[in-house]
Amino acid sequence: MAKPLIVEIPHDLGLAEARRRIADGITQADGLFAKAGIAVDKMAWTDDRLDFAMAAMGQKVDGQVDVRAETVRVEVRLPLLLALFAQQIQKRVGKEGNLLLTKK
C-alpha cells in the first residue's frame, strides 16, 4: 500500500449532526457503489469512527472516517495503481465531504 491519502474537512455542525450526515451520506452512496461495480467488504461504526474496506477491478481500498466536533478526517489507503490518482481522489473526497457537511 502507498502512503495514506488524508482529507480534513472542517465543519460547524457539532459532533452529533456531522456524524448523522456522514452516516446518511454513506447509506445513500451504498447504492451508487454497487452500480459502479464497487464491492463493499466492510462498513462499520465504532463510536465516531467509520472503518471501511472496498474492492473494484481487483483493487482493494480501506480506511476510516473520524468524525470530530469541528472536523471530519478521512484517511484512505490506496494500492499503488490507484495512488496514481490520489490527487484527483483527494479533491473529490474534499468536494463531496464539504457538500455533505455544509448543505442545509
N, C-alpha and C. Protein backbone atom coordinates (compact mmCIF):
# COMPACT_ATOMS: atom_id res chain seq x y z
N MET A 1 0.84 -1.19 0.00
CA MET A 1 0.00 0.00 0.00
C MET A 1 0.88 1.25 0.00
N ALA A 2 0.37 2.25 -0.66
CA ALA A 2 1.07 3.53 -0.73
C ALA A 2 0.78 4.35 0.52
N LYS A 3 1.38 5.51 0.56
CA LYS A 3 1.15 6.46 1.64
C LYS A 3 -0.34 6.79 1.73
N PRO A 4 -0.92 6.89 2.94
CA PRO A 4 -2.35 7.16 3.06
C PRO A 4 -2.72 8.54 2.51
N LEU A 5 -3.87 8.60 1.90
CA LEU A 5 -4.45 9.85 1.45
C LEU A 5 -5.29 10.38 2.60
N ILE A 6 -5.07 11.62 3.01
CA ILE A 6 -5.78 12.17 4.16
C ILE A 6 -6.47 13.47 3.74
N VAL A 7 -7.75 13.57 4.09
CA VAL A 7 -8.52 14.79 3.83
C VAL A 7 -9.16 15.22 5.14
N GLU A 8 -8.95 16.48 5.51
CA GLU A 8 -9.58 17.07 6.70
C GLU A 8 -10.65 18.04 6.22
N ILE A 9 -11.88 17.85 6.66
CA ILE A 9 -12.98 18.69 6.24
C ILE A 9 -13.53 19.42 7.46
N PRO A 10 -13.36 20.74 7.52
CA PRO A 10 -13.89 21.50 8.67
C PRO A 10 -15.41 21.64 8.57
N HIS A 11 -16.04 21.76 9.73
CA HIS A 11 -17.49 21.99 9.76
C HIS A 11 -17.84 22.70 11.06
N ASP A 12 -19.05 23.22 11.13
CA ASP A 12 -19.52 23.86 12.36
C ASP A 12 -20.86 23.26 12.80
N LEU A 13 -21.03 21.97 12.54
CA LEU A 13 -22.29 21.28 12.84
C LEU A 13 -22.35 20.67 14.23
N GLY A 14 -21.22 20.49 14.84
CA GLY A 14 -21.17 19.72 16.08
C GLY A 14 -21.00 18.24 15.75
N LEU A 15 -20.57 17.48 16.72
CA LEU A 15 -20.26 16.08 16.52
C LEU A 15 -21.46 15.25 16.08
N ALA A 16 -22.58 15.37 16.78
CA ALA A 16 -23.75 14.52 16.51
C ALA A 16 -24.31 14.75 15.11
N GLU A 17 -24.47 16.01 14.71
CA GLU A 17 -25.02 16.31 13.39
C GLU A 17 -24.06 15.91 12.28
N ALA A 18 -22.77 16.13 12.47
CA ALA A 18 -21.79 15.73 11.46
C ALA A 18 -21.80 14.21 11.28
N ARG A 19 -21.86 13.48 12.39
CA ARG A 19 -21.89 12.01 12.30
C ARG A 19 -23.16 11.55 11.59
N ARG A 20 -24.29 12.16 11.90
CA ARG A 20 -25.56 11.79 11.27
C ARG A 20 -25.49 12.02 9.76
N ARG A 21 -24.93 13.16 9.35
CA ARG A 21 -24.84 13.46 7.92
C ARG A 21 -23.89 12.50 7.20
N ILE A 22 -22.78 12.17 7.84
CA ILE A 22 -21.86 11.20 7.24
C ILE A 22 -22.55 9.85 7.10
N ALA A 23 -23.22 9.40 8.15
CA ALA A 23 -23.92 8.12 8.11
C ALA A 23 -24.99 8.11 7.02
N ASP A 24 -25.77 9.18 6.92
CA ASP A 24 -26.80 9.28 5.88
C ASP A 24 -26.17 9.28 4.48
N GLY A 25 -25.07 10.01 4.33
CA GLY A 25 -24.39 10.06 3.05
C GLY A 25 -23.85 8.71 2.62
N ILE A 26 -23.32 7.95 3.57
CA ILE A 26 -22.81 6.61 3.27
C ILE A 26 -23.96 5.70 2.85
N THR A 27 -25.08 5.81 3.54
CA THR A 27 -26.26 4.99 3.19
C THR A 27 -26.71 5.29 1.76
N GLN A 28 -26.75 6.57 1.40
CA GLN A 28 -27.17 6.95 0.04
C GLN A 28 -26.15 6.49 -0.99
N ALA A 29 -24.87 6.55 -0.66
CA ALA A 29 -23.82 6.18 -1.61
C ALA A 29 -23.74 4.67 -1.81
N ASP A 30 -24.27 3.90 -0.88
CA ASP A 30 -24.18 2.44 -0.95
C ASP A 30 -24.73 1.91 -2.27
N GLY A 31 -25.86 2.44 -2.71
CA GLY A 31 -26.43 2.02 -3.99
C GLY A 31 -25.56 2.42 -5.17
N LEU A 32 -24.93 3.57 -5.08
CA LEU A 32 -24.04 4.02 -6.15
C LEU A 32 -22.80 3.15 -6.26
N PHE A 33 -22.30 2.68 -5.10
CA PHE A 33 -21.14 1.80 -5.12
C PHE A 33 -21.44 0.55 -5.95
N ALA A 34 -22.59 -0.07 -5.69
CA ALA A 34 -22.96 -1.29 -6.41
C ALA A 34 -23.08 -1.03 -7.91
N LYS A 35 -23.70 0.08 -8.29
CA LYS A 35 -23.85 0.42 -9.71
C LYS A 35 -22.50 0.66 -10.38
N ALA A 36 -21.55 1.15 -9.63
CA ALA A 36 -20.22 1.43 -10.17
C ALA A 36 -19.30 0.21 -10.13
N GLY A 37 -19.82 -0.93 -9.66
CA GLY A 37 -19.01 -2.14 -9.60
C GLY A 37 -18.07 -2.19 -8.42
N ILE A 38 -18.39 -1.43 -7.37
CA ILE A 38 -17.55 -1.41 -6.17
C ILE A 38 -18.19 -2.30 -5.12
N ALA A 39 -17.46 -3.30 -4.68
CA ALA A 39 -17.96 -4.21 -3.65
C ALA A 39 -17.53 -3.69 -2.28
N VAL A 40 -18.49 -3.46 -1.42
CA VAL A 40 -18.18 -3.00 -0.06
C VAL A 40 -17.94 -4.24 0.80
N ASP A 41 -16.70 -4.39 1.27
CA ASP A 41 -16.34 -5.53 2.11
C ASP A 41 -16.63 -5.25 3.59
N LYS A 42 -16.49 -3.99 4.00
CA LYS A 42 -16.66 -3.64 5.41
C LYS A 42 -17.12 -2.20 5.52
N MET A 43 -18.08 -1.97 6.37
CA MET A 43 -18.56 -0.62 6.68
C MET A 43 -19.09 -0.71 8.10
N ALA A 44 -18.28 -0.30 9.08
CA ALA A 44 -18.65 -0.49 10.47
C ALA A 44 -18.29 0.72 11.32
N TRP A 45 -19.28 1.19 12.09
CA TRP A 45 -19.06 2.30 13.02
C TRP A 45 -18.61 1.77 14.37
N THR A 46 -17.62 2.42 14.96
CA THR A 46 -17.22 2.23 16.34
C THR A 46 -17.16 3.62 16.94
N ASP A 47 -18.13 3.93 17.79
CA ASP A 47 -18.26 5.28 18.32
C ASP A 47 -18.38 6.27 17.16
N ASP A 48 -17.42 7.18 17.01
CA ASP A 48 -17.49 8.19 15.95
C ASP A 48 -16.48 7.92 14.83
N ARG A 49 -16.11 6.66 14.68
CA ARG A 49 -15.18 6.25 13.62
C ARG A 49 -15.85 5.22 12.73
N LEU A 50 -15.79 5.48 11.43
CA LEU A 50 -16.29 4.53 10.44
C LEU A 50 -15.09 3.87 9.78
N ASP A 51 -14.98 2.54 9.93
CA ASP A 51 -13.95 1.78 9.24
C ASP A 51 -14.57 1.19 7.99
N PHE A 52 -13.84 1.25 6.87
CA PHE A 52 -14.40 0.73 5.62
C PHE A 52 -13.32 0.00 4.83
N ALA A 53 -13.80 -0.89 3.97
CA ALA A 53 -12.95 -1.59 3.01
C ALA A 53 -13.80 -1.86 1.78
N MET A 54 -13.22 -1.62 0.61
CA MET A 54 -13.94 -1.79 -0.65
C MET A 54 -13.00 -2.40 -1.68
N ALA A 55 -13.60 -2.97 -2.73
CA ALA A 55 -12.81 -3.54 -3.81
C ALA A 55 -13.49 -3.27 -5.14
N ALA A 56 -12.69 -2.99 -6.15
CA ALA A 56 -13.18 -2.81 -7.51
C ALA A 56 -12.06 -3.14 -8.48
N MET A 57 -12.37 -3.86 -9.53
CA MET A 57 -11.41 -4.21 -10.57
C MET A 57 -10.12 -4.80 -9.98
N GLY A 58 -10.26 -5.62 -8.98
CA GLY A 58 -9.11 -6.28 -8.39
C GLY A 58 -8.28 -5.40 -7.46
N GLN A 59 -8.73 -4.19 -7.19
CA GLN A 59 -8.01 -3.27 -6.31
C GLN A 59 -8.76 -3.12 -4.99
N LYS A 60 -8.05 -3.23 -3.88
CA LYS A 60 -8.66 -3.09 -2.57
C LYS A 60 -8.26 -1.76 -1.94
N VAL A 61 -9.25 -1.10 -1.33
CA VAL A 61 -9.06 0.18 -0.68
C VAL A 61 -9.64 0.07 0.72
N ASP A 62 -8.94 0.61 1.70
CA ASP A 62 -9.53 0.64 3.04
C ASP A 62 -9.14 1.94 3.72
N GLY A 63 -9.80 2.19 4.85
CA GLY A 63 -9.51 3.41 5.59
C GLY A 63 -10.53 3.66 6.67
N GLN A 64 -10.55 4.89 7.15
CA GLN A 64 -11.51 5.26 8.18
C GLN A 64 -11.91 6.72 8.05
N VAL A 65 -13.08 6.99 8.59
CA VAL A 65 -13.62 8.35 8.67
C VAL A 65 -13.78 8.64 10.16
N ASP A 66 -13.05 9.64 10.66
CA ASP A 66 -13.15 10.05 12.05
C ASP A 66 -13.95 11.34 12.13
N VAL A 67 -15.10 11.27 12.78
CA VAL A 67 -15.94 12.45 12.93
C VAL A 67 -15.59 13.11 14.25
N ARG A 68 -15.24 14.38 14.18
CA ARG A 68 -14.86 15.16 15.36
C ARG A 68 -15.78 16.38 15.47
N ALA A 69 -15.71 17.08 16.57
CA ALA A 69 -16.60 18.21 16.83
C ALA A 69 -16.49 19.30 15.78
N GLU A 70 -15.30 19.52 15.21
CA GLU A 70 -15.13 20.62 14.25
C GLU A 70 -14.54 20.19 12.91
N THR A 71 -14.17 18.92 12.79
CA THR A 71 -13.63 18.41 11.53
C THR A 71 -14.05 16.96 11.32
N VAL A 72 -13.99 16.56 10.07
CA VAL A 72 -14.11 15.16 9.72
C VAL A 72 -12.80 14.81 9.01
N ARG A 73 -12.15 13.77 9.50
CA ARG A 73 -10.87 13.34 8.93
C ARG A 73 -11.08 12.03 8.19
N VAL A 74 -10.76 12.04 6.91
CA VAL A 74 -10.89 10.84 6.07
C VAL A 74 -9.48 10.36 5.74
N GLU A 75 -9.22 9.11 6.04
CA GLU A 75 -7.94 8.50 5.68
C GLU A 75 -8.22 7.28 4.82
N VAL A 76 -7.59 7.26 3.65
CA VAL A 76 -7.79 6.16 2.70
C VAL A 76 -6.42 5.61 2.32
N ARG A 77 -6.28 4.30 2.41
CA ARG A 77 -5.07 3.63 1.97
C ARG A 77 -5.33 3.04 0.58
N LEU A 78 -4.60 3.58 -0.39
CA LEU A 78 -4.78 3.18 -1.78
C LEU A 78 -3.69 2.22 -2.22
N PRO A 79 -4.04 1.24 -3.05
CA PRO A 79 -2.99 0.41 -3.63
C PRO A 79 -2.19 1.25 -4.62
N LEU A 80 -1.03 0.78 -4.97
CA LEU A 80 -0.11 1.53 -5.81
C LEU A 80 -0.76 2.02 -7.11
N LEU A 81 -1.54 1.18 -7.76
CA LEU A 81 -2.17 1.56 -9.01
C LEU A 81 -3.10 2.76 -8.83
N LEU A 82 -3.91 2.75 -7.78
CA LEU A 82 -4.84 3.85 -7.54
C LEU A 82 -4.14 5.08 -6.95
N ALA A 83 -2.98 4.88 -6.36
CA ALA A 83 -2.23 6.01 -5.80
C ALA A 83 -1.85 7.00 -6.90
N LEU A 84 -1.80 6.53 -8.13
CA LEU A 84 -1.52 7.43 -9.25
C LEU A 84 -2.60 8.51 -9.40
N PHE A 85 -3.80 8.20 -8.90
CA PHE A 85 -4.93 9.12 -8.99
C PHE A 85 -5.24 9.79 -7.65
N ALA A 86 -4.30 9.75 -6.72
CA ALA A 86 -4.54 10.24 -5.36
C ALA A 86 -4.98 11.69 -5.33
N GLN A 87 -4.38 12.53 -6.14
CA GLN A 87 -4.73 13.95 -6.12
C GLN A 87 -6.18 14.18 -6.56
N GLN A 88 -6.60 13.48 -7.61
CA GLN A 88 -7.99 13.60 -8.07
C GLN A 88 -8.96 13.04 -7.03
N ILE A 89 -8.60 11.93 -6.42
CA ILE A 89 -9.45 11.32 -5.40
C ILE A 89 -9.56 12.25 -4.20
N GLN A 90 -8.44 12.85 -3.80
CA GLN A 90 -8.43 13.77 -2.66
C GLN A 90 -9.34 14.96 -2.92
N LYS A 91 -9.27 15.54 -4.12
CA LYS A 91 -10.15 16.67 -4.46
C LYS A 91 -11.62 16.26 -4.42
N ARG A 92 -11.92 15.09 -4.95
CA ARG A 92 -13.31 14.62 -4.99
C ARG A 92 -13.86 14.37 -3.59
N VAL A 93 -13.07 13.73 -2.74
CA VAL A 93 -13.49 13.47 -1.36
C VAL A 93 -13.71 14.79 -0.62
N GLY A 94 -12.81 15.74 -0.81
CA GLY A 94 -12.97 17.05 -0.18
C GLY A 94 -14.22 17.77 -0.65
N LYS A 95 -14.46 17.75 -1.95
CA LYS A 95 -15.64 18.42 -2.52
C LYS A 95 -16.93 17.79 -2.02
N GLU A 96 -17.02 16.47 -2.13
CA GLU A 96 -18.24 15.78 -1.70
C GLU A 96 -18.46 15.90 -0.19
N GLY A 97 -17.37 15.83 0.56
CA GLY A 97 -17.47 15.99 2.01
C GLY A 97 -17.95 17.37 2.40
N ASN A 98 -17.43 18.39 1.73
CA ASN A 98 -17.89 19.77 2.00
C ASN A 98 -19.37 19.92 1.68
N LEU A 99 -19.81 19.37 0.57
CA LEU A 99 -21.24 19.46 0.22
C LEU A 99 -22.10 18.78 1.28
N LEU A 100 -21.66 17.64 1.73
CA LEU A 100 -22.40 16.88 2.73
C LEU A 100 -22.48 17.62 4.07
N LEU A 101 -21.41 18.31 4.42
CA LEU A 101 -21.36 18.95 5.73
C LEU A 101 -21.78 20.42 5.73
N THR A 102 -22.06 20.99 4.55
CA THR A 102 -22.46 22.39 4.54
C THR A 102 -23.88 22.61 4.05
N LYS A 103 -24.42 21.69 3.25
CA LYS A 103 -25.78 21.91 2.76
C LYS A 103 -26.78 21.81 3.90
N LYS A 104 -27.86 22.54 3.79
CA LYS A 104 -28.87 22.57 4.84
C LYS A 104 -29.81 21.40 4.73
